[in-house]
Amino acid sequence: MEPVFPLDLKLPARGAGHITRDLHQQLRDAIVEGRLAAGFPLPSTRRVADSLGIGRNTAVAAYDLLVAEGYVLPRPGAKAVVAEIAARQRTVARTTRSVDRANWIHPAWAASIPSFGSRKGLPARSFRLGVPEHRYFPHALWRRLTAQVQRRYARAGFGFAPTDGMPELRAGIAHHIAFARAVACSADDIIVTSCAQQAFSLIALALITRERRFVAVEDPGYSPLRSALLGAGAELVPIPVDDEGMQVDRIPPNVRMICVTPSHQSPTGVALSLRRRAALLEFARAHDAVIIEDDYDGEFRYGSRPLDALQTLDRDARVFYVGTFTKSLFPELRKGFVVAPRWAGPALVEVKNKTDSNCDAINQSVLAAFIADGHLARYMRRMRKVYAERHAALVEGLEQQLSPWLETIPAEAGLHVAARIRRKRDTNAIFEAAHLHTPGVVAMSNYSCDPQAARRGADAVVFGFGLMDAGEIGPALLKLRRALEKTAAVRE
């Protein structure tokens, strides 16, 4: 006879006594521990008795005890079910048991990444950072390419993608970044990753050792990058950022890795000046260091000619160029890449093979077709015009509406603009009003290596414009201005 419960019940022999107690306790323990989930229908007492070889009255008595204690809910005309309260008790029990293991967690993962502003409750059109526009994306074309790729795989058979990425995608990326950013490389230099964050992790795991553990990072800078470095055993050396980017002359000589966002510093938006680019490359050569160049949204440039990528200027094979399609296409694609020096490529592939093996083949093939057929280049040209209008509207609005409170930091690239708060006493009022009238903006102190120290001075506000139409930006900033004027009037 098949078991009536999905667990092994061990009862004393019939006539040995305590059968009701043992059946009740074993069923109660199974409910508390989650082995009998909430909503599980209990078999009839007659079936339990026949299956376990016990009297029916014994089964009825055990069920009655479970009902009286709240573990089981009776249902007239239907089977009794396990009560929902068991799920709550199970959660508490598991949390209590795991507390003693907290010291097992690596410090890099014990604390969460600082929030850049809650994503919950934000309207569809907001100043949220890091999210590009989706309404102009050729969704129908992408679906058609996806269907074509799936039909091709159905004919040829499915399999795992190469660890370094599909050859056609690596070739497409090499062509794309050569055209868009003048990065000189071939398909053999490229490793496809699931995102830029994975690229950072691969580089950190492959290169950071106890002897080469000191890593210079921008302060303020991108905190997920810092998490990847810490998880690989790095000791971070925060380097201040000013209007020319990272202050290269502040990098100590024991640093062996430098992480920068030279085209559009995250989060200030400034570009690393040409003289500092040269100084950074010279530092790397003189101290046998490497550079991680994060070009997360450098493809969107407005105004003057873009400065060359560090990878383009590098003559000593020291720069790892990291890119992503999160900003240029859409975040859900989860595709990034790293252009690695030839000496480091095999090690990165080996690390990826042992930690992730490969990215999905279908989306890689779709993206490769999207690039090869010229759709990416056309889409980028269109979106540069869209974002240029939004960038101009945001800068104009900040200068015309909010100059008494904010000082815009000049930036000619990317999908966000930052502005310094002129007076520390206005900081709280600005963020309270911004939460209501320009939802999605974040404090620059969230990007600091030491947010508490950063908040001791006047903070800065970072506005994303990937989701805001040009015509929506001015009215939103005007509402923010009026709210601040009311606050000032009350203060006076």
Protein backbone atom coordinates (compact mmCIF):
# COMPACT_ATOMS: atom_id res chain seq x y z
CA MET A 1 0.00 0.00 0.00
CA GLU A 2 1.31 3.45 -0.92
CA PRO A 3 2.27 5.77 1.99
CA VAL A 4 -0.49 8.18 2.94
CA PHE A 5 1.99 10.92 3.96
CA PRO A 6 5.05 12.08 1.99
CA LEU A 7 7.27 11.22 4.96
CA ASP A 8 8.36 8.23 6.98
CA LEU A 9 6.32 7.70 10.16
CA LYS A 10 7.73 5.35 12.76
CA LEU A 11 5.11 4.16 15.24
CA PRO A 12 5.41 1.64 18.07
CA ALA A 13 3.92 -1.77 17.58
CA ARG A 14 0.16 -2.07 18.02
CA GLY A 15 -0.64 -2.59 21.67
CA ALA A 16 2.62 -1.01 22.86
CA GLY A 17 0.83 2.18 23.90
CA HIS A 18 1.57 5.85 23.13
CA ILE A 19 0.62 5.40 19.46
CA THR A 20 -1.67 8.44 19.49
CA ARG A 21 1.04 10.56 21.13
CA ASP A 22 3.75 9.46 18.69
CA LEU A 23 1.54 9.96 15.61
CA HIS A 24 0.51 13.42 16.81
CA GLN A 25 4.09 14.50 17.59
CA GLN A 26 5.52 13.27 14.29
CA LEU A 27 2.80 14.97 12.26
CA ARG A 28 3.18 18.20 14.28
CA ASP A 29 6.96 18.21 13.77
CA ALA A 30 6.50 17.67 10.04
CA ILE A 31 4.11 20.64 9.86
CA VAL A 32 6.38 22.97 11.88
CA GLU A 33 9.45 22.02 9.82
CA GLY A 34 7.62 22.53 6.53
CA ARG A 35 7.71 18.93 5.37
CA LEU A 36 3.89 19.14 5.34
CA ALA A 37 3.28 22.51 3.70
CA ALA A 38 0.43 24.89 4.45
CA GLY A 39 -2.67 23.80 2.54
CA PHE A 40 -1.63 20.15 2.36
CA PRO A 41 -4.85 18.01 2.46
CA LEU A 42 -4.64 15.35 5.16
CA PRO A 43 -5.75 11.85 4.16
CA SER A 44 -8.90 10.48 5.76
CA THR A 45 -8.59 8.88 9.18
CA ARG A 46 -9.87 5.60 7.72
CA ARG A 47 -7.10 5.59 5.09
CA VAL A 48 -4.47 6.50 7.73
CA ALA A 49 -5.63 3.67 9.96
CA ASP A 50 -5.56 1.12 7.13
CA SER A 51 -2.14 2.25 5.87
CA LEU A 52 -0.42 2.41 9.28
CA GLY A 53 -2.15 -0.61 10.76
CA ILE A 54 -3.67 1.31 13.67
CA GLY A 55 -7.19 1.80 14.95
CA ARG A 56 -9.26 4.52 13.36
CA ASN A 57 -10.00 6.07 16.76
CA THR A 58 -6.23 6.52 17.24
CA ALA A 59 -5.98 8.47 13.97
CA VAL A 60 -9.05 10.56 14.90
CA ALA A 61 -7.52 11.42 18.29
CA ALA A 62 -4.22 12.53 16.70
CA TYR A 63 -6.07 14.73 14.19
CA ASP A 64 -8.21 16.25 16.95
CA LEU A 65 -5.08 17.28 18.86
CA LEU A 66 -3.64 18.95 15.75
CA VAL A 67 -6.90 20.83 15.18
CA ALA A 68 -7.05 21.94 18.82
CA GLU A 69 -3.47 23.29 18.61
CA GLY A 70 -4.14 25.19 15.39
CA TYR A 71 -1.88 23.14 13.14
CA VAL A 72 -4.76 21.73 11.10
CA LEU A 73 -7.93 23.36 9.78
CA PRO A 74 -11.04 21.16 9.57
CA ARG A 75 -13.33 21.66 6.54
CA PRO A 76 -16.92 20.41 6.60
CA GLY A 77 -17.50 17.99 3.74
CA ALA A 78 -13.84 18.09 2.68
CA LYS A 79 -10.42 16.98 3.85
CA ALA A 80 -8.74 18.87 6.66
CA VAL A 81 -5.67 20.88 5.59
CA VAL A 82 -2.43 22.05 7.19
CA ALA A 83 -2.87 25.57 8.61
CA GLU A 84 -0.97 28.62 7.28
CA ILE A 85 0.40 29.42 10.72
CA ALA A 86 2.90 26.63 10.26
CA ALA A 87 4.72 28.63 7.55
CA ARG A 88 5.29 31.52 9.94
CA GLN A 89 6.60 29.21 12.65
CA ARG A 90 8.87 27.47 10.14
CA THR A 91 10.37 30.81 9.06
CA VAL A 92 11.11 31.81 12.64
CA ALA A 93 12.64 28.42 13.39
CA ARG A 94 14.96 28.52 10.38
CA THR A 95 16.03 32.12 11.07
CA THR A 96 16.86 31.25 14.66
CA ARG A 97 19.01 28.32 13.62
CA SER A 98 20.91 30.37 11.00
CA VAL A 99 21.93 33.17 13.38
CA ASP A 100 24.76 31.08 14.79
CA ARG A 101 26.25 30.78 11.28
CA ALA A 102 26.42 34.54 10.57
CA ASN A 103 30.16 34.65 11.22
CA TRP A 104 30.68 32.20 8.35
CA ILE A 105 29.70 34.84 5.76
CA HIS A 106 32.53 36.67 4.00
CA PRO A 107 32.52 40.34 5.12
CA ALA A 108 32.21 41.50 1.49
CA TRP A 109 28.78 39.86 1.24
CA ALA A 110 27.54 40.38 4.79
CA ALA A 111 26.39 43.94 4.11
CA SER A 112 24.09 44.95 1.29
CA ILE A 113 25.13 47.41 -1.41
CA PRO A 114 24.11 50.98 -0.47
CA SER A 115 20.79 51.87 -2.03
CA PHE A 116 20.81 54.37 -4.89
CA GLY A 117 17.17 55.18 -4.20
CA SER A 118 14.25 52.84 -3.89
CA ARG A 119 12.95 51.43 -7.16
CA LYS A 120 9.62 50.53 -5.62
CA GLY A 121 6.76 52.92 -6.13
CA LEU A 122 8.51 55.05 -8.76
CA PRO A 123 6.31 56.20 -11.65
CA ALA A 124 7.07 54.97 -15.15
CA ARG A 125 8.45 58.41 -16.06
CA SER A 126 10.97 59.29 -13.37
CA PHE A 127 14.52 60.53 -12.84
CA ARG A 128 15.68 57.05 -11.92
CA LEU A 129 19.33 56.30 -12.69
CA GLY A 130 20.75 53.53 -14.80
CA VAL A 131 17.65 52.73 -16.88
CA PRO A 132 17.44 53.62 -20.60
CA GLU A 133 14.36 54.47 -22.62
CA HIS A 134 12.45 51.45 -23.93
CA ARG A 135 9.62 53.01 -25.98
CA TYR A 136 11.78 53.53 -29.07
CA PHE A 137 13.36 50.10 -29.01
CA PRO A 138 12.42 47.93 -32.05
CA HIS A 139 10.70 45.22 -30.05
CA ALA A 140 9.01 43.64 -33.10
CA LEU A 141 12.35 43.37 -34.86
CA TRP A 142 13.95 41.79 -31.79
CA ARG A 143 11.12 39.23 -31.60
CA ARG A 144 11.60 38.38 -35.27
CA LEU A 145 15.35 37.90 -34.82
CA THR A 146 14.70 35.75 -31.76
CA ALA A 147 12.31 33.53 -33.72
CA GLN A 148 14.85 33.15 -36.52
CA VAL A 149 17.59 32.17 -34.07
CA GLN A 150 15.35 29.65 -32.32
CA ARG A 151 14.41 28.05 -35.63
CA ARG A 152 18.08 27.78 -36.50
CA TYR A 153 18.86 26.13 -33.18
CA ALA A 154 15.89 23.79 -33.59
CA ARG A 155 17.37 22.56 -36.89
CA ALA A 156 20.98 22.37 -35.72
CA GLY A 157 20.37 21.26 -32.15
CA PHE A 158 20.96 22.96 -28.86
CA GLY A 159 24.21 23.06 -26.92
CA PHE A 160 26.36 25.14 -24.61
CA ALA A 161 27.91 28.38 -25.84
CA PRO A 162 31.71 28.74 -25.72
CA THR A 163 32.93 30.08 -22.39
CA ASP A 164 34.29 33.26 -23.98
CA GLY A 165 31.08 33.86 -25.92
CA MET A 166 29.59 33.07 -29.32
CA PRO A 167 32.14 33.83 -32.06
CA GLU A 168 29.66 35.89 -34.07
CA LEU A 169 28.86 38.08 -31.04
CA ARG A 170 32.53 38.64 -30.18
CA ALA A 171 33.14 39.69 -33.77
CA GLY A 172 30.13 41.99 -33.68
CA ILE A 173 31.24 43.62 -30.43
CA ALA A 174 34.74 44.20 -31.81
CA HIS A 175 33.27 45.94 -34.86
CA HIS A 176 30.81 47.96 -32.78
CA ILE A 177 33.27 49.38 -30.25
CA ALA A 178 35.82 50.11 -32.97
CA PHE A 179 33.20 52.23 -34.72
CA ALA A 180 31.59 53.79 -31.64
CA ARG A 181 34.58 54.23 -29.31
CA ALA A 182 37.70 53.74 -31.47
CA VAL A 183 38.72 50.72 -29.37
CA ALA A 184 41.21 48.66 -31.35
CA CYS A 185 40.70 44.94 -30.80
CA SER A 186 39.70 41.70 -32.48
CA ALA A 187 37.15 39.06 -31.58
CA ASP A 188 39.92 37.06 -29.90
CA ASP A 189 40.40 39.84 -27.33
CA ILE A 190 36.76 39.81 -26.19
CA ILE A 191 35.10 37.76 -23.47
CA VAL A 192 31.31 37.97 -23.30
CA THR A 193 29.87 38.24 -19.79
CA SER A 194 26.38 38.25 -18.34
CA CYS A 195 26.88 41.92 -17.38
CA ALA A 196 29.63 44.41 -16.55
CA GLN A 197 29.51 43.26 -12.94
CA GLN A 198 30.58 39.77 -13.97
CA ALA A 199 33.45 41.26 -15.96
CA PHE A 200 34.68 43.06 -12.82
CA SER A 201 34.46 39.83 -10.84
CA LEU A 202 36.41 37.84 -13.43
CA ILE A 203 39.22 40.38 -13.52
CA ALA A 204 39.36 40.62 -9.73
CA LEU A 205 39.40 36.85 -9.21
CA ALA A 206 42.05 36.36 -11.88
CA LEU A 207 44.46 39.11 -10.83
CA ILE A 208 44.11 40.01 -7.16
CA THR A 209 46.54 38.19 -4.87
CA ARG A 210 47.88 38.97 -1.42
CA GLU A 211 50.93 40.59 -3.03
CA ARG A 212 48.71 42.61 -5.43
CA ARG A 213 45.76 43.39 -3.21
CA PHE A 214 45.77 47.20 -3.12
CA VAL A 215 43.22 48.58 -5.58
CA ALA A 216 42.54 52.27 -6.24
CA VAL A 217 38.87 53.17 -6.71
CA GLU A 218 37.11 56.45 -7.40
CA ASP A 219 35.52 58.18 -4.41
CA PRO A 220 32.65 58.71 -5.02
CA GLY A 221 32.33 55.73 -7.31
CA TYR A 222 30.28 52.71 -8.34
CA SER A 223 29.75 50.57 -5.24
CA PRO A 224 28.94 47.21 -6.97
CA LEU A 225 32.45 47.32 -8.43
CA ARG A 226 33.85 47.76 -4.93
CA SER A 227 31.89 44.71 -3.77
CA ALA A 228 33.39 42.55 -6.52
CA LEU A 229 36.89 43.67 -5.55
CA LEU A 230 36.36 43.09 -1.84
CA GLY A 231 34.98 39.63 -2.50
CA ALA A 232 38.22 38.76 -4.30
CA GLY A 233 40.34 39.87 -1.34
CA ALA A 234 41.24 43.40 -2.39
CA GLU A 235 42.08 46.24 -0.03
CA LEU A 236 40.47 49.37 -1.46
CA VAL A 237 42.29 52.70 -1.67
CA PRO A 238 39.71 55.49 -2.22
CA ILE A 239 40.98 58.25 -4.54
CA PRO A 240 39.12 61.60 -4.58
CA VAL A 241 37.43 62.86 -7.74
CA ASP A 242 37.28 66.49 -8.88
CA ASP A 243 36.22 68.26 -12.09
CA GLU A 244 39.00 66.50 -14.05
CA GLY A 245 38.10 63.05 -12.75
CA MET A 246 40.21 60.81 -10.53
CA GLN A 247 43.08 62.68 -8.88
CA VAL A 248 45.82 60.45 -10.26
CA ASP A 249 48.55 62.14 -8.23
CA ARG A 250 46.87 60.84 -5.05
CA ILE A 251 47.35 57.16 -5.98
CA PRO A 252 49.93 55.60 -3.62
CA PRO A 253 52.81 53.61 -5.14
CA ASN A 254 51.72 50.26 -3.64
CA VAL A 255 48.53 50.17 -5.77
CA ARG A 256 48.55 47.47 -8.46
CA MET A 257 45.06 47.95 -9.92
CA ILE A 258 43.17 51.17 -10.70
CA CYS A 259 39.43 51.24 -11.49
CA VAL A 260 38.09 54.28 -13.36
CA THR A 261 35.08 55.51 -15.33
CA PRO A 262 37.00 57.95 -17.54
CA SER A 263 34.39 58.79 -20.19
CA HIS A 264 31.57 59.68 -17.78
CA GLN A 265 32.60 59.39 -14.16
CA SER A 266 30.08 57.57 -12.02
CA PRO A 267 28.40 59.50 -10.44
CA THR A 268 29.77 63.05 -11.00
CA GLY A 269 29.58 62.80 -14.79
CA VAL A 270 32.92 64.49 -15.46
CA ALA A 271 35.42 63.14 -17.99
CA LEU A 272 38.95 62.22 -17.03
CA SER A 273 41.12 64.95 -18.58
CA LEU A 274 43.66 64.10 -21.24
CA ARG A 275 46.59 65.01 -19.01
CA ARG A 276 45.32 62.72 -16.26
CA ARG A 277 44.76 59.91 -18.74
CA ALA A 278 48.39 60.19 -19.73
CA ALA A 279 49.44 60.36 -16.07
CA LEU A 280 47.35 57.30 -15.21
CA LEU A 281 48.89 55.23 -17.99
CA GLU A 282 52.36 56.37 -16.91
CA PHE A 283 51.61 55.40 -13.30
CA ALA A 284 50.54 51.93 -14.43
CA ARG A 285 53.72 51.51 -16.48
CA ALA A 286 56.02 52.79 -13.72
CA HIS A 287 54.45 50.68 -10.95
CA ASP A 288 53.54 47.57 -12.96
CA ALA A 289 49.83 48.12 -12.38
CA VAL A 290 46.73 47.38 -14.47
CA ILE A 291 43.68 49.53 -15.17
CA ILE A 292 39.99 48.55 -15.33
CA GLU A 293 38.25 51.02 -17.66
CA ASP A 294 34.49 50.96 -17.10
CA ASP A 295 32.87 52.56 -20.16
CA TYR A 296 29.31 51.98 -19.01
CA ASP A 297 27.57 54.68 -21.09
CA GLY A 298 30.33 56.45 -22.99
CA GLU A 299 28.57 55.75 -26.31
CA PHE A 300 26.15 58.58 -25.61
CA ARG A 301 28.19 61.73 -26.15
CA TYR A 302 26.81 65.24 -26.61
CA GLY A 303 28.79 68.22 -27.86
CA SER A 304 32.56 68.04 -28.29
CA ARG A 305 34.57 65.16 -29.71
CA PRO A 306 34.94 62.35 -27.15
CA LEU A 307 38.31 61.76 -25.55
CA ASP A 308 40.01 58.55 -26.60
CA ALA A 309 39.39 55.51 -24.43
CA LEU A 310 42.27 54.54 -22.18
CA GLN A 311 42.42 51.23 -24.03
CA THR A 312 43.06 53.15 -27.26
CA LEU A 313 45.93 55.09 -25.67
CA ASP A 314 47.42 52.03 -23.93
CA ARG A 315 50.72 50.85 -25.43
CA ASP A 316 51.73 48.42 -22.67
CA ALA A 317 48.74 46.02 -22.61
CA ARG A 318 47.64 47.12 -19.14
CA VAL A 319 44.02 48.24 -19.72
CA PHE A 320 40.96 46.00 -19.33
CA TYR A 321 38.11 47.69 -21.19
CA VAL A 322 34.68 46.78 -19.80
CA GLY A 323 31.44 47.56 -21.64
CA THR A 324 27.77 46.72 -21.32
CA PHE A 325 24.59 46.74 -23.39
CA THR A 326 22.49 47.58 -20.32
CA LYS A 327 22.42 51.31 -21.14
CA SER A 328 22.54 51.16 -24.93
CA LEU A 329 19.75 48.56 -25.27
CA PHE A 330 17.89 47.34 -22.17
CA PRO A 331 18.85 46.04 -18.69
CA GLU A 332 17.04 42.71 -19.03
CA LEU A 333 19.40 41.67 -21.82
CA ARG A 334 22.17 41.16 -19.21
CA LYS A 335 25.04 41.24 -21.64
CA GLY A 336 28.44 42.81 -21.12
CA PHE A 337 31.99 42.17 -22.23
CA VAL A 338 35.62 42.78 -21.42
CA VAL A 339 38.38 43.55 -23.91
CA ALA A 340 41.37 41.94 -22.21
CA PRO A 341 45.08 42.17 -22.98
CA ARG A 342 46.27 39.03 -24.77
CA TRP A 343 48.34 37.91 -21.78
CA ALA A 344 45.26 37.91 -19.48
CA GLY A 345 42.53 36.57 -21.76
CA PRO A 346 43.11 32.84 -21.16
CA ALA A 347 43.08 33.34 -17.38
CA LEU A 348 39.76 35.24 -17.51
CA VAL A 349 38.24 32.48 -19.66
CA GLU A 350 39.45 29.89 -17.17
CA VAL A 351 37.92 31.79 -14.24
CA LYS A 352 34.65 32.16 -16.12
CA ASN A 353 34.65 28.48 -17.03
CA LYS A 354 35.04 27.50 -13.39
CA THR A 355 32.53 29.97 -11.94
CA ASP A 356 29.86 30.38 -14.62
CA SER A 357 30.85 28.24 -17.61
CA ASN A 358 28.95 30.22 -20.27
CA CYS A 359 26.27 32.79 -21.03
CA ASP A 360 23.03 31.80 -22.77
CA ALA A 361 23.51 31.07 -26.45
CA ILE A 362 20.17 32.27 -27.82
CA ASN A 363 20.34 35.88 -26.62
CA GLN A 364 23.99 36.04 -27.69
CA SER A 365 23.02 34.97 -31.20
CA VAL A 366 20.12 37.42 -31.34
CA LEU A 367 22.35 40.29 -30.22
CA ALA A 368 24.98 39.25 -32.76
CA ALA A 369 22.39 39.38 -35.55
CA PHE A 370 21.12 42.75 -34.26
CA ILE A 371 24.66 44.15 -34.54
CA ALA A 372 25.62 42.47 -37.82
CA ASP A 373 22.50 43.69 -39.64
CA GLY A 374 23.21 47.30 -38.65
CA HIS A 375 20.23 47.63 -36.28
CA LEU A 376 22.37 48.55 -33.26
CA ALA A 377 24.15 51.37 -35.11
CA ARG A 378 20.83 52.77 -36.36
CA TYR A 379 19.24 52.52 -32.93
CA MET A 380 22.22 54.23 -31.29
CA ARG A 381 22.04 57.14 -33.75
CA ARG A 382 18.37 57.61 -32.98
CA MET A 383 18.80 57.43 -29.22
CA ARG A 384 21.74 59.85 -29.19
CA LYS A 385 19.38 62.50 -30.59
CA VAL A 386 16.69 61.62 -28.03
CA TYR A 387 19.09 61.67 -25.09
CA ALA A 388 20.84 64.83 -26.33
CA GLU A 389 17.51 66.69 -26.16
CA ARG A 390 16.86 65.37 -22.66
CA HIS A 391 20.38 66.19 -21.51
CA ALA A 392 20.02 69.78 -22.80
CA ALA A 393 16.59 70.15 -21.17
CA LEU A 394 17.91 68.91 -17.81
CA VAL A 395 20.98 71.15 -17.80
CA GLU A 396 18.90 74.15 -18.86
CA GLY A 397 16.27 73.44 -16.23
CA LEU A 398 18.83 73.04 -13.45
CA GLU A 399 20.54 76.30 -14.35
CA GLN A 400 17.34 78.30 -14.83
CA GLN A 401 15.13 76.86 -12.11
CA LEU A 402 17.43 75.58 -9.38
CA SER A 403 20.65 77.60 -9.53
CA PRO A 404 20.01 79.21 -6.09
CA TRP A 405 20.23 75.74 -4.54
CA LEU A 406 22.24 73.61 -6.99
CA GLU A 407 25.42 73.99 -9.04
CA THR A 408 25.40 71.79 -12.13
CA ILE A 409 28.51 69.67 -12.68
CA PRO A 410 29.43 69.90 -16.39
CA ALA A 411 29.00 66.58 -18.23
CA GLU A 412 28.78 65.81 -21.93
CA ALA A 413 28.03 62.10 -21.91
CA GLY A 414 25.86 59.39 -20.41
CA LEU A 415 22.33 59.26 -19.04
CA HIS A 416 22.63 61.29 -15.84
CA VAL A 417 23.65 64.74 -14.63
CA ALA A 418 24.83 65.65 -11.13
CA ALA A 419 24.51 68.94 -9.29
CA ARG A 420 26.20 70.04 -6.06
CA ILE A 421 24.11 71.42 -3.23
CA ARG A 422 25.38 74.94 -2.57
CA ARG A 423 24.57 75.11 1.16
CA LYS A 424 24.62 72.21 3.57
CA ARG A 425 21.62 73.60 5.45
CA ASP A 426 19.47 73.06 2.34
CA THR A 427 20.34 69.37 1.98
CA ASN A 428 17.39 67.85 3.84
CA ALA A 429 14.86 70.21 2.27
CA ILE A 430 16.17 69.47 -1.23
CA PHE A 431 15.93 65.70 -0.87
CA GLU A 432 12.50 65.85 0.78
CA ALA A 433 11.15 68.00 -2.06
CA ALA A 434 12.95 65.94 -4.71
CA HIS A 435 11.34 62.75 -3.39
CA LEU A 436 7.93 64.27 -4.18
CA HIS A 437 8.57 66.23 -7.36
CA THR A 438 11.56 64.57 -9.05
CA PRO A 439 11.26 60.92 -7.95
CA GLY A 440 14.21 58.69 -8.68
CA VAL A 441 17.00 61.19 -7.95
CA VAL A 442 19.68 60.00 -5.54
CA ALA A 443 22.26 61.50 -3.22
CA MET A 444 25.84 61.42 -4.43
CA SER A 445 26.89 60.44 -0.91
CA ASN A 446 25.36 57.01 -1.67
CA TYR A 447 28.30 56.44 -4.00
CA SER A 448 30.94 57.38 -1.45
CA CYS A 449 33.30 54.82 0.07
CA ASP A 450 32.28 56.33 3.42
CA PRO A 451 28.72 57.69 3.06
CA GLN A 452 28.64 59.00 6.64
CA ALA A 453 31.79 61.04 6.11
CA ALA A 454 30.45 62.33 2.80
CA ARG A 455 27.27 63.59 4.44
CA ARG A 456 29.23 65.81 6.84
CA GLY A 457 29.60 68.32 4.03
CA ALA A 458 27.16 69.57 1.42
CA ASP A 459 25.89 66.67 -0.67
CA ALA A 460 25.03 66.52 -4.37
CA VAL A 461 21.98 65.35 -6.33
CA VAL A 462 22.15 62.95 -9.29
CA PHE A 463 19.37 63.13 -11.90
CA GLY A 464 18.84 60.33 -14.42
CA PHE A 465 17.09 61.26 -17.66
CA GLY A 466 16.84 57.91 -19.43
CA LEU A 467 13.11 57.69 -18.66
CA MET A 468 12.10 61.36 -18.86
CA ASP A 469 10.95 63.05 -22.08
CA ALA A 470 12.57 66.43 -22.74
CA GLY A 471 9.22 68.17 -22.35
CA GLU A 472 8.61 66.57 -18.94
CA ILE A 473 11.89 67.65 -17.36
CA GLY A 474 11.33 71.41 -17.15
CA PRO A 475 7.90 71.24 -15.46
CA ALA A 476 9.19 68.73 -12.90
CA LEU A 477 12.14 70.96 -12.00
CA LEU A 478 9.80 73.95 -11.75
CA LYS A 479 7.71 72.06 -9.18
CA LEU A 480 10.87 71.31 -7.25
CA ARG A 481 11.83 75.00 -7.32
CA ARG A 482 8.42 76.11 -6.01
CA ALA A 483 8.60 73.58 -3.19
CA LEU A 484 12.03 74.87 -2.20
CA GLU A 485 10.81 78.46 -2.34
CA LYS A 486 8.00 77.57 0.06
CA THR A 487 10.48 75.91 2.39
CA ALA A 488 12.68 79.01 2.30
CA ALA A 489 9.69 81.26 3.01
CA VAL A 490 8.70 79.16 6.04
CA ARG A 491 12.29 79.24 7.32
CA GLU A 492 12.40 83.03 7.08
